[in-house]
Amino acid sequence: MVIHNFYYGWKGDKLLEILDMHTSDEAKLKEAVQILHDDDSVHYAQEKAKLVMKKAWESIEPELKSNDAKEDLYGLISYLINRDL
């Protein structure tokens, strides 16, 4: 997300400045997260994760036996990918 933001976002320099501080100041950290959201870097990362998950599932799914564990694994993966951040 940071690399995406730096190259494609409007506030990449400000984000790097905050991250270089290694701060625990909650206001600065919230600002960094807001920058990632404002420049769509979070959305970009979510879409990439969905693509990677889809490809990985398509490659492993035929090898797994159909059972509750397989369904639970797919449910967990789907939850982690689709949750709101």
PDB file of N, CA and C in Angstrom:
ATOM      1  N   MET A   1       0.811  -1.181   0.000  1.00  0.00           N
ATOM      2  CA  MET A   1       0.000   0.000   0.000  1.00  0.00           C
ATOM      3  C   MET A   1       0.861   1.254   0.000  1.00  0.00           C
ATOM      4  N   VAL A   2       1.928   1.217   0.771  1.00  0.00           N
ATOM      5  CA  VAL A   2       2.786   2.402   0.869  1.00  0.00           C
ATOM      6  C   VAL A   2       3.436   2.705  -0.470  1.00  0.00           C
ATOM      7  N   ILE A   3       3.912   1.675  -1.140  1.00  0.00           N
ATOM      8  CA  ILE A   3       4.547   1.888  -2.442  1.00  0.00           C
ATOM      9  C   ILE A   3       3.520   2.421  -3.437  1.00  0.00           C
ATOM     10  N   HIS A   4       2.341   1.831  -3.445  1.00  0.00           N
ATOM     11  CA  HIS A   4       1.278   2.314  -4.324  1.00  0.00           C
ATOM     12  C   HIS A   4       0.986   3.778  -4.032  1.00  0.00           C
ATOM     13  N   ASN A   5       0.866   4.110  -2.762  1.00  0.00           N
ATOM     14  CA  ASN A   5       0.552   5.480  -2.374  1.00  0.00           C
ATOM     15  C   ASN A   5       1.664   6.442  -2.782  1.00  0.00           C
ATOM     16  N   PHE A   6       2.895   6.029  -2.593  1.00  0.00           N
ATOM     17  CA  PHE A   6       4.019   6.909  -2.919  1.00  0.00           C
ATOM     18  C   PHE A   6       4.045   7.229  -4.410  1.00  0.00           C
ATOM     19  N   TYR A   7       3.808   6.234  -5.242  1.00  0.00           N
ATOM     20  CA  TYR A   7       3.892   6.451  -6.680  1.00  0.00           C
ATOM     21  C   TYR A   7       2.619   7.006  -7.309  1.00  0.00           C
ATOM     22  N   TYR A   8       1.459   6.693  -6.744  1.00  0.00           N
ATOM     23  CA  TYR A   8       0.213   7.066  -7.393  1.00  0.00           C
ATOM     24  C   TYR A   8      -0.657   8.015  -6.577  1.00  0.00           C
ATOM     25  N   GLY A   9      -0.315   8.221  -5.326  1.00  0.00           N
ATOM     26  CA  GLY A   9      -1.127   9.077  -4.471  1.00  0.00           C
ATOM     27  C   GLY A   9      -0.642  10.518  -4.478  1.00  0.00           C
ATOM     28  N   TRP A  10      -1.469  11.363  -3.909  1.00  0.00           N
ATOM     29  CA  TRP A  10      -1.154  12.790  -3.848  1.00  0.00           C
ATOM     30  C   TRP A  10      -0.307  13.143  -2.638  1.00  0.00           C
ATOM     31  N   LYS A  11      -0.314  12.283  -1.617  1.00  0.00           N
ATOM     32  CA  LYS A  11       0.370  12.613  -0.365  1.00  0.00           C
ATOM     33  C   LYS A  11       1.421  11.571   0.003  1.00  0.00           C
ATOM     34  N   GLY A  12       2.029  10.953  -0.991  1.00  0.00           N
ATOM     35  CA  GLY A  12       3.033   9.925  -0.735  1.00  0.00           C
ATOM     36  C   GLY A  12       4.199  10.418   0.092  1.00  0.00           C
ATOM     37  N   ASP A  13       4.642  11.656  -0.162  1.00  0.00           N
ATOM     38  CA  ASP A  13       5.761  12.207   0.604  1.00  0.00           C
ATOM     39  C   ASP A  13       5.391  12.389   2.075  1.00  0.00           C
ATOM     40  N   LYS A  14       4.171  12.851   2.330  1.00  0.00           N
ATOM     41  CA  LYS A  14       3.710  13.046   3.705  1.00  0.00           C
ATOM     42  C   LYS A  14       3.594  11.707   4.416  1.00  0.00           C
ATOM     43  N   LEU A  15       3.100  10.689   3.724  1.00  0.00           N
ATOM     44  CA  LEU A  15       2.999   9.357   4.312  1.00  0.00           C
ATOM     45  C   LEU A  15       4.372   8.839   4.715  1.00  0.00           C
ATOM     46  N   LEU A  16       5.343   8.953   3.827  1.00  0.00           N
ATOM     47  CA  LEU A  16       6.702   8.498   4.157  1.00  0.00           C
ATOM     48  C   LEU A  16       7.289   9.293   5.319  1.00  0.00           C
ATOM     49  N   GLU A  17       7.002  10.568   5.378  1.00  0.00           N
ATOM     50  CA  GLU A  17       7.482  11.398   6.485  1.00  0.00           C
ATOM     51  C   GLU A  17       6.947  10.863   7.816  1.00  0.00           C
ATOM     52  N   ILE A  18       5.664  10.543   7.849  1.00  0.00           N
ATOM     53  CA  ILE A  18       5.059  10.019   9.081  1.00  0.00           C
ATOM     54  C   ILE A  18       5.654   8.657   9.426  1.00  0.00           C
ATOM     55  N   LEU A  19       5.790   7.794   8.438  1.00  0.00           N
ATOM     56  CA  LEU A  19       6.332   6.458   8.701  1.00  0.00           C
ATOM     57  C   LEU A  19       7.786   6.506   9.150  1.00  0.00           C
ATOM     58  N   ASP A  20       8.546   7.439   8.611  1.00  0.00           N
ATOM     59  CA  ASP A  20       9.949   7.582   9.014  1.00  0.00           C
ATOM     60  C   ASP A  20      10.108   8.056  10.456  1.00  0.00           C
ATOM     61  N   MET A  21       9.060   8.649  11.012  1.00  0.00           N
ATOM     62  CA  MET A  21       9.105   9.110  12.399  1.00  0.00           C
ATOM     63  C   MET A  21       9.130   7.940  13.390  1.00  0.00           C
ATOM     64  N   HIS A  22       8.645   6.770  12.964  1.00  0.00           N
ATOM     65  CA  HIS A  22       8.507   5.624  13.866  1.00  0.00           C
ATOM     66  C   HIS A  22       7.759   6.034  15.132  1.00  0.00           C
ATOM     67  N   THR A  23       6.688   6.767  14.929  1.00  0.00           N
ATOM     68  CA  THR A  23       5.948   7.357  16.031  1.00  0.00           C
ATOM     69  C   THR A  23       4.884   6.416  16.572  1.00  0.00           C
ATOM     70  N   SER A  24       4.510   6.645  17.800  1.00  0.00           N
ATOM     71  CA  SER A  24       3.358   5.955  18.377  1.00  0.00           C
ATOM     72  C   SER A  24       2.242   6.964  18.646  1.00  0.00           C
ATOM     73  N   ASP A  25       2.415   8.189  18.136  1.00  0.00           N
ATOM     74  CA  ASP A  25       1.413   9.236  18.271  1.00  0.00           C
ATOM     75  C   ASP A  25       0.171   8.841  17.472  1.00  0.00           C
ATOM     76  N   GLU A  26      -0.930   8.630  18.186  1.00  0.00           N
ATOM     77  CA  GLU A  26      -2.152   8.131  17.552  1.00  0.00           C
ATOM     78  C   GLU A  26      -2.671   9.068  16.469  1.00  0.00           C
ATOM     79  N   ALA A  27      -2.553  10.355  16.664  1.00  0.00           N
ATOM     80  CA  ALA A  27      -3.028  11.314  15.665  1.00  0.00           C
ATOM     81  C   ALA A  27      -2.227  11.181  14.368  1.00  0.00           C
ATOM     82  N   LYS A  28      -0.924  11.010  14.467  1.00  0.00           N
ATOM     83  CA  LYS A  28      -0.083  10.849  13.274  1.00  0.00           C
ATOM     84  C   LYS A  28      -0.391   9.529  12.558  1.00  0.00           C
ATOM     85  N   LEU A  29      -0.601   8.474  13.346  1.00  0.00           N
ATOM     86  CA  LEU A  29      -0.917   7.181  12.751  1.00  0.00           C
ATOM     87  C   LEU A  29      -2.270   7.219  12.038  1.00  0.00           C
ATOM     88  N   LYS A  30      -3.239   7.891  12.645  1.00  0.00           N
ATOM     89  CA  LYS A  30      -4.544   8.041  12.003  1.00  0.00           C
ATOM     90  C   LYS A  30      -4.415   8.843  10.713  1.00  0.00           C
ATOM     91  N   GLU A  31      -3.555   9.842  10.722  1.00  0.00           N
ATOM     92  CA  GLU A  31      -3.321  10.630   9.513  1.00  0.00           C
ATOM     93  C   GLU A  31      -2.733   9.746   8.406  1.00  0.00           C
ATOM     94  N   ALA A  32      -1.793   8.879   8.772  1.00  0.00           N
ATOM     95  CA  ALA A  32      -1.185   7.981   7.790  1.00  0.00           C
ATOM     96  C   ALA A  32      -2.237   7.032   7.199  1.00  0.00           C
ATOM     97  N   VAL A  33      -3.087   6.486   8.047  1.00  0.00           N
ATOM     98  CA  VAL A  33      -4.146   5.590   7.574  1.00  0.00           C
ATOM     99  C   VAL A  33      -5.115   6.351   6.669  1.00  0.00           C
ATOM    100  N   GLN A  34      -5.431   7.574   7.048  1.00  0.00           N
ATOM    101  CA  GLN A  34      -6.345   8.379   6.233  1.00  0.00           C
ATOM    102  C   GLN A  34      -5.750   8.673   4.857  1.00  0.00           C
ATOM    103  N   ILE A  35      -4.462   8.924   4.809  1.00  0.00           N
ATOM    104  CA  ILE A  35      -3.786   9.148   3.527  1.00  0.00           C
ATOM    105  C   ILE A  35      -3.926   7.910   2.644  1.00  0.00           C
ATOM    106  N   LEU A  36      -3.731   6.729   3.233  1.00  0.00           N
ATOM    107  CA  LEU A  36      -3.862   5.492   2.467  1.00  0.00           C
ATOM    108  C   LEU A  36      -5.280   5.320   1.932  1.00  0.00           C
ATOM    109  N   HIS A  37      -6.263   5.690   2.733  1.00  0.00           N
ATOM    110  CA  HIS A  37      -7.653   5.601   2.279  1.00  0.00           C
ATOM    111  C   HIS A  37      -7.959   6.664   1.218  1.00  0.00           C
ATOM    112  N   ASP A  38      -7.522   7.885   1.453  1.00  0.00           N
ATOM    113  CA  ASP A  38      -7.826   8.986   0.528  1.00  0.00           C
ATOM    114  C   ASP A  38      -7.276   8.743  -0.871  1.00  0.00           C
ATOM    115  N   ASP A  39      -6.115   8.138  -0.950  1.00  0.00           N
ATOM    116  CA  ASP A  39      -5.473   7.911  -2.251  1.00  0.00           C
ATOM    117  C   ASP A  39      -5.781   6.530  -2.819  1.00  0.00           C
ATOM    118  N   ASP A  40      -6.780   5.854  -2.267  1.00  0.00           N
ATOM    119  CA  ASP A  40      -7.256   4.546  -2.745  1.00  0.00           C
ATOM    120  C   ASP A  40      -6.230   3.426  -2.655  1.00  0.00           C
ATOM    121  N   SER A  41      -5.215   3.585  -1.843  1.00  0.00           N
ATOM    122  CA  SER A  41      -4.216   2.532  -1.697  1.00  0.00           C
ATOM    123  C   SER A  41      -4.776   1.321  -0.966  1.00  0.00           C
ATOM    124  N   VAL A  42      -5.678   1.533  -0.034  1.00  0.00           N
ATOM    125  CA  VAL A  42      -6.307   0.418   0.676  1.00  0.00           C
ATOM    126  C   VAL A  42      -7.155  -0.383  -0.309  1.00  0.00           C
ATOM    127  N   HIS A  43      -7.933   0.307  -1.121  1.00  0.00           N
ATOM    128  CA  HIS A  43      -8.758  -0.366  -2.125  1.00  0.00           C
ATOM    129  C   HIS A  43      -7.877  -1.142  -3.110  1.00  0.00           C
ATOM    130  N   TYR A  44      -6.790  -0.548  -3.531  1.00  0.00           N
ATOM    131  CA  TYR A  44      -5.855  -1.213  -4.442  1.00  0.00           C
ATOM    132  C   TYR A  44      -5.333  -2.509  -3.824  1.00  0.00           C
ATOM    133  N   ALA A  45      -4.932  -2.448  -2.557  1.00  0.00           N
ATOM    134  CA  ALA A  45      -4.398  -3.631  -1.876  1.00  0.00           C
ATOM    135  C   ALA A  45      -5.477  -4.702  -1.716  1.00  0.00           C
ATOM    136  N   GLN A  46      -6.697  -4.293  -1.419  1.00  0.00           N
ATOM    137  CA  GLN A  46      -7.791  -5.255  -1.287  1.00  0.00           C
ATOM    138  C   GLN A  46      -8.064  -5.960  -2.613  1.00  0.00           C
ATOM    139  N   GLU A  47      -8.059  -5.224  -3.693  1.00  0.00           N
ATOM    140  CA  GLU A  47      -8.305  -5.829  -5.007  1.00  0.00           C
ATOM    141  C   GLU A  47      -7.182  -6.793  -5.389  1.00  0.00           C
ATOM    142  N   LYS A  48      -5.950  -6.427  -5.082  1.00  0.00           N
ATOM    143  CA  LYS A  48      -4.821  -7.325  -5.356  1.00  0.00           C
ATOM    144  C   LYS A  48      -4.937  -8.590  -4.517  1.00  0.00           C
ATOM    145  N   ALA A  49      -5.319  -8.449  -3.251  1.00  0.00           N
ATOM    146  CA  ALA A  49      -5.481  -9.605  -2.371  1.00  0.00           C
ATOM    147  C   ALA A  49      -6.579 -10.527  -2.881  1.00  0.00           C
ATOM    148  N   LYS A  50      -7.672  -9.953  -3.361  1.00  0.00           N
ATOM    149  CA  LYS A  50      -8.757 -10.768  -3.915  1.00  0.00           C
ATOM    150  C   LYS A  50      -8.279 -11.561  -5.126  1.00  0.00           C
ATOM    151  N   LEU A  51      -7.504 -10.932  -5.978  1.00  0.00           N
ATOM    152  CA  LEU A  51      -6.986 -11.602  -7.164  1.00  0.00           C
ATOM    153  C   LEU A  51      -6.047 -12.751  -6.789  1.00  0.00           C
ATOM    154  N   VAL A  52      -5.154 -12.491  -5.848  1.00  0.00           N
ATOM    155  CA  VAL A  52      -4.213 -13.523  -5.399  1.00  0.00           C
ATOM    156  C   VAL A  52      -4.973 -14.680  -4.758  1.00  0.00           C
ATOM    157  N   MET A  53      -5.974 -14.361  -3.917  1.00  0.00           N
ATOM    158  CA  MET A  53      -6.762 -15.396  -3.257  1.00  0.00           C
ATOM    159  C   MET A  53      -7.517 -16.234  -4.277  1.00  0.00           C
ATOM    160  N   LYS A  54      -8.098 -15.583  -5.275  1.00  0.00           N
ATOM    161  CA  LYS A  54      -8.856 -16.303  -6.294  1.00  0.00           C
ATOM    162  C   LYS A  54      -7.955 -17.286  -7.041  1.00  0.00           C
ATOM    163  N   LYS A  55      -6.786 -16.824  -7.442  1.00  0.00           N
ATOM    164  CA  LYS A  55      -5.854 -17.689  -8.168  1.00  0.00           C
ATOM    165  C   LYS A  55      -5.367 -18.843  -7.285  1.00  0.00           C
ATOM    166  N   ALA A  56      -5.067 -18.536  -6.029  1.00  0.00           N
ATOM    167  CA  ALA A  56      -4.600 -19.575  -5.110  1.00  0.00           C
ATOM    168  C   ALA A  56      -5.696 -20.610  -4.871  1.00  0.00           C
ATOM    169  N   TRP A  57      -6.923 -20.149  -4.645  1.00  0.00           N
ATOM    170  CA  TRP A  57      -8.024 -21.076  -4.399  1.00  0.00           C
ATOM    171  C   TRP A  57      -8.283 -21.955  -5.627  1.00  0.00           C
ATOM    172  N   GLU A  58      -8.229 -21.365  -6.810  1.00  0.00           N
ATOM    173  CA  GLU A  58      -8.451 -22.144  -8.031  1.00  0.00           C
ATOM    174  C   GLU A  58      -7.393 -23.228  -8.208  1.00  0.00           C
ATOM    175  N   SER A  59      -6.188 -22.979  -7.733  1.00  0.00           N
ATOM    176  CA  SER A  59      -5.132 -23.984  -7.886  1.00  0.00           C
ATOM    177  C   SER A  59      -5.220 -25.078  -6.820  1.00  0.00           C
ATOM    178  N   ILE A  60      -5.673 -24.746  -5.615  1.00  0.00           N
ATOM    179  CA  ILE A  60      -5.693 -25.734  -4.533  1.00  0.00           C
ATOM    180  C   ILE A  60      -7.038 -26.435  -4.381  1.00  0.00           C
ATOM    181  N   GLU A  61      -8.123 -25.783  -4.776  1.00  0.00           N
ATOM    182  CA  GLU A  61      -9.468 -26.312  -4.551  1.00  0.00           C
ATOM    183  C   GLU A  61      -9.675 -27.721  -5.101  1.00  0.00           C
ATOM    184  N   PRO A  62      -9.203 -28.024  -6.307  1.00  0.00           N
ATOM    185  CA  PRO A  62      -9.414 -29.386  -6.822  1.00  0.00           C
ATOM    186  C   PRO A  62      -8.690 -30.465  -6.006  1.00  0.00           C
ATOM    187  N   GLU A  63      -7.646 -30.083  -5.288  1.00  0.00           N
ATOM    188  CA  GLU A  63      -6.861 -31.041  -4.507  1.00  0.00           C
ATOM    189  C   GLU A  63      -7.481 -31.340  -3.141  1.00  0.00           C
ATOM    190  N   LEU A  64      -8.396 -30.517  -2.688  1.00  0.00           N
ATOM    191  CA  LEU A  64      -8.998 -30.681  -1.367  1.00  0.00           C
ATOM    192  C   LEU A  64     -10.279 -31.500  -1.457  1.00  0.00           C
ATOM    193  N   LYS A  65     -10.450 -32.390  -0.495  1.00  0.00           N
ATOM    194  CA  LYS A  65     -11.678 -33.180  -0.428  1.00  0.00           C
ATOM    195  C   LYS A  65     -12.829 -32.269  -0.020  1.00  0.00           C
ATOM    196  N   SER A  66     -13.992 -32.526  -0.558  1.00  0.00           N
ATOM    197  CA  SER A  66     -15.179 -31.758  -0.183  1.00  0.00           C
ATOM    198  C   SER A  66     -15.624 -32.175   1.214  1.00  0.00           C
ATOM    199  N   ASN A  67     -15.544 -31.239   2.140  1.00  0.00           N
ATOM    200  CA  ASN A  67     -15.993 -31.485   3.505  1.00  0.00           C
ATOM    201  C   ASN A  67     -16.160 -30.146   4.219  1.00  0.00           C
ATOM    202  N   ASP A  68     -16.536 -30.210   5.485  1.00  0.00           N
ATOM    203  CA  ASP A  68     -16.767 -28.983   6.252  1.00  0.00           C
ATOM    204  C   ASP A  68     -15.494 -28.148   6.392  1.00  0.00           C
ATOM    205  N   ALA A  69     -14.350 -28.817   6.542  1.00  0.00           N
ATOM    206  CA  ALA A  69     -13.088 -28.091   6.711  1.00  0.00           C
ATOM    207  C   ALA A  69     -12.770 -27.257   5.468  1.00  0.00           C
ATOM    208  N   LYS A  70     -13.029 -27.817   4.305  1.00  0.00           N
ATOM    209  CA  LYS A  70     -12.789 -27.086   3.055  1.00  0.00           C
ATOM    210  C   LYS A  70     -13.695 -25.860   2.996  1.00  0.00           C
ATOM    211  N   GLU A  71     -14.964 -26.032   3.341  1.00  0.00           N
ATOM    212  CA  GLU A  71     -15.897 -24.913   3.346  1.00  0.00           C
ATOM    213  C   GLU A  71     -15.501 -23.858   4.370  1.00  0.00           C
ATOM    214  N   ASP A  72     -15.053 -24.317   5.545  1.00  0.00           N
ATOM    215  CA  ASP A  72     -14.615 -23.376   6.584  1.00  0.00           C
ATOM    216  C   ASP A  72     -13.386 -22.596   6.141  1.00  0.00           C
ATOM    217  N   LEU A  73     -12.448 -23.267   5.483  1.00  0.00           N
ATOM    218  CA  LEU A  73     -11.247 -22.593   4.988  1.00  0.00           C
ATOM    219  C   LEU A  73     -11.616 -21.523   3.977  1.00  0.00           C
ATOM    220  N   TYR A  74     -12.500 -21.867   3.047  1.00  0.00           N
ATOM    221  CA  TYR A  74     -12.925 -20.882   2.057  1.00  0.00           C
ATOM    222  C   TYR A  74     -13.656 -19.720   2.730  1.00  0.00           C
ATOM    223  N   GLY A  75     -14.462 -20.015   3.726  1.00  0.00           N
ATOM    224  CA  GLY A  75     -15.166 -18.964   4.468  1.00  0.00           C
ATOM    225  C   GLY A  75     -14.200 -18.031   5.172  1.00  0.00           C
ATOM    226  N   LEU A  76     -13.168 -18.587   5.796  1.00  0.00           N
ATOM    227  CA  LEU A  76     -12.167 -17.767   6.480  1.00  0.00           C
ATOM    228  C   LEU A  76     -11.426 -16.880   5.490  1.00  0.00           C
ATOM    229  N   ILE A  77     -11.002 -17.449   4.398  1.00  0.00           N
ATOM    230  CA  ILE A  77     -10.291 -16.675   3.378  1.00  0.00           C
ATOM    231  C   ILE A  77     -11.179 -15.540   2.864  1.00  0.00           C
ATOM    232  N   SER A  78     -12.421 -15.862   2.577  1.00  0.00           N
ATOM    233  CA  SER A  78     -13.353 -14.852   2.070  1.00  0.00           C
ATOM    234  C   SER A  78     -13.560 -13.734   3.085  1.00  0.00           C
ATOM    235  N   TYR A  79     -13.694 -14.107   4.346  1.00  0.00           N
ATOM    236  CA  TYR A  79     -13.869 -13.096   5.390  1.00  0.00           C
ATOM    237  C   TYR A  79     -12.650 -12.170   5.456  1.00  0.00           C
ATOM    238  N   LEU A  80     -11.464 -12.747   5.483  1.00  0.00           N
ATOM    239  CA  LEU A  80     -10.246 -11.938   5.605  1.00  0.00           C
ATOM    240  C   LEU A  80     -10.073 -10.995   4.416  1.00  0.00           C
ATOM    241  N   ILE A  81     -10.439 -11.432   3.245  1.00  0.00           N
ATOM    242  CA  ILE A  81     -10.278 -10.622   2.048  1.00  0.00           C
ATOM    243  C   ILE A  81     -11.355  -9.546   1.944  1.00  0.00           C
ATOM    244  N   ASN A  82     -12.577  -9.866   2.334  1.00  0.00           N
ATOM    245  CA  ASN A  82     -13.701  -8.970   2.100  1.00  0.00           C
ATOM    246  C   ASN A  82     -14.073  -8.068   3.271  1.00  0.00           C
ATOM    247  N   ARG A  83     -13.418  -8.201   4.406  1.00  0.00           N
ATOM    248  CA  ARG A  83     -13.780  -7.390   5.568  1.00  0.00           C
ATOM    249  C   ARG A  83     -13.430  -5.916   5.326  1.00  0.00           C
ATOM    250  N   ASP A  84     -14.136  -5.047   6.007  1.00  0.00           N
ATOM    251  CA  ASP A  84     -13.862  -3.621   5.911  1.00  0.00           C
ATOM    252  C   ASP A  84     -12.717  -3.256   6.842  1.00  0.00           C
ATOM    253  N   LEU A  85     -11.799  -2.481   6.319  1.00  0.00           N
ATOM    254  CA  LEU A  85     -10.662  -2.033   7.129  1.00  0.00           C
ATOM    255  C   LEU A  85     -10.842  -0.598   7.530  1.00  0.00           C
TER     256      LEU A  85
END
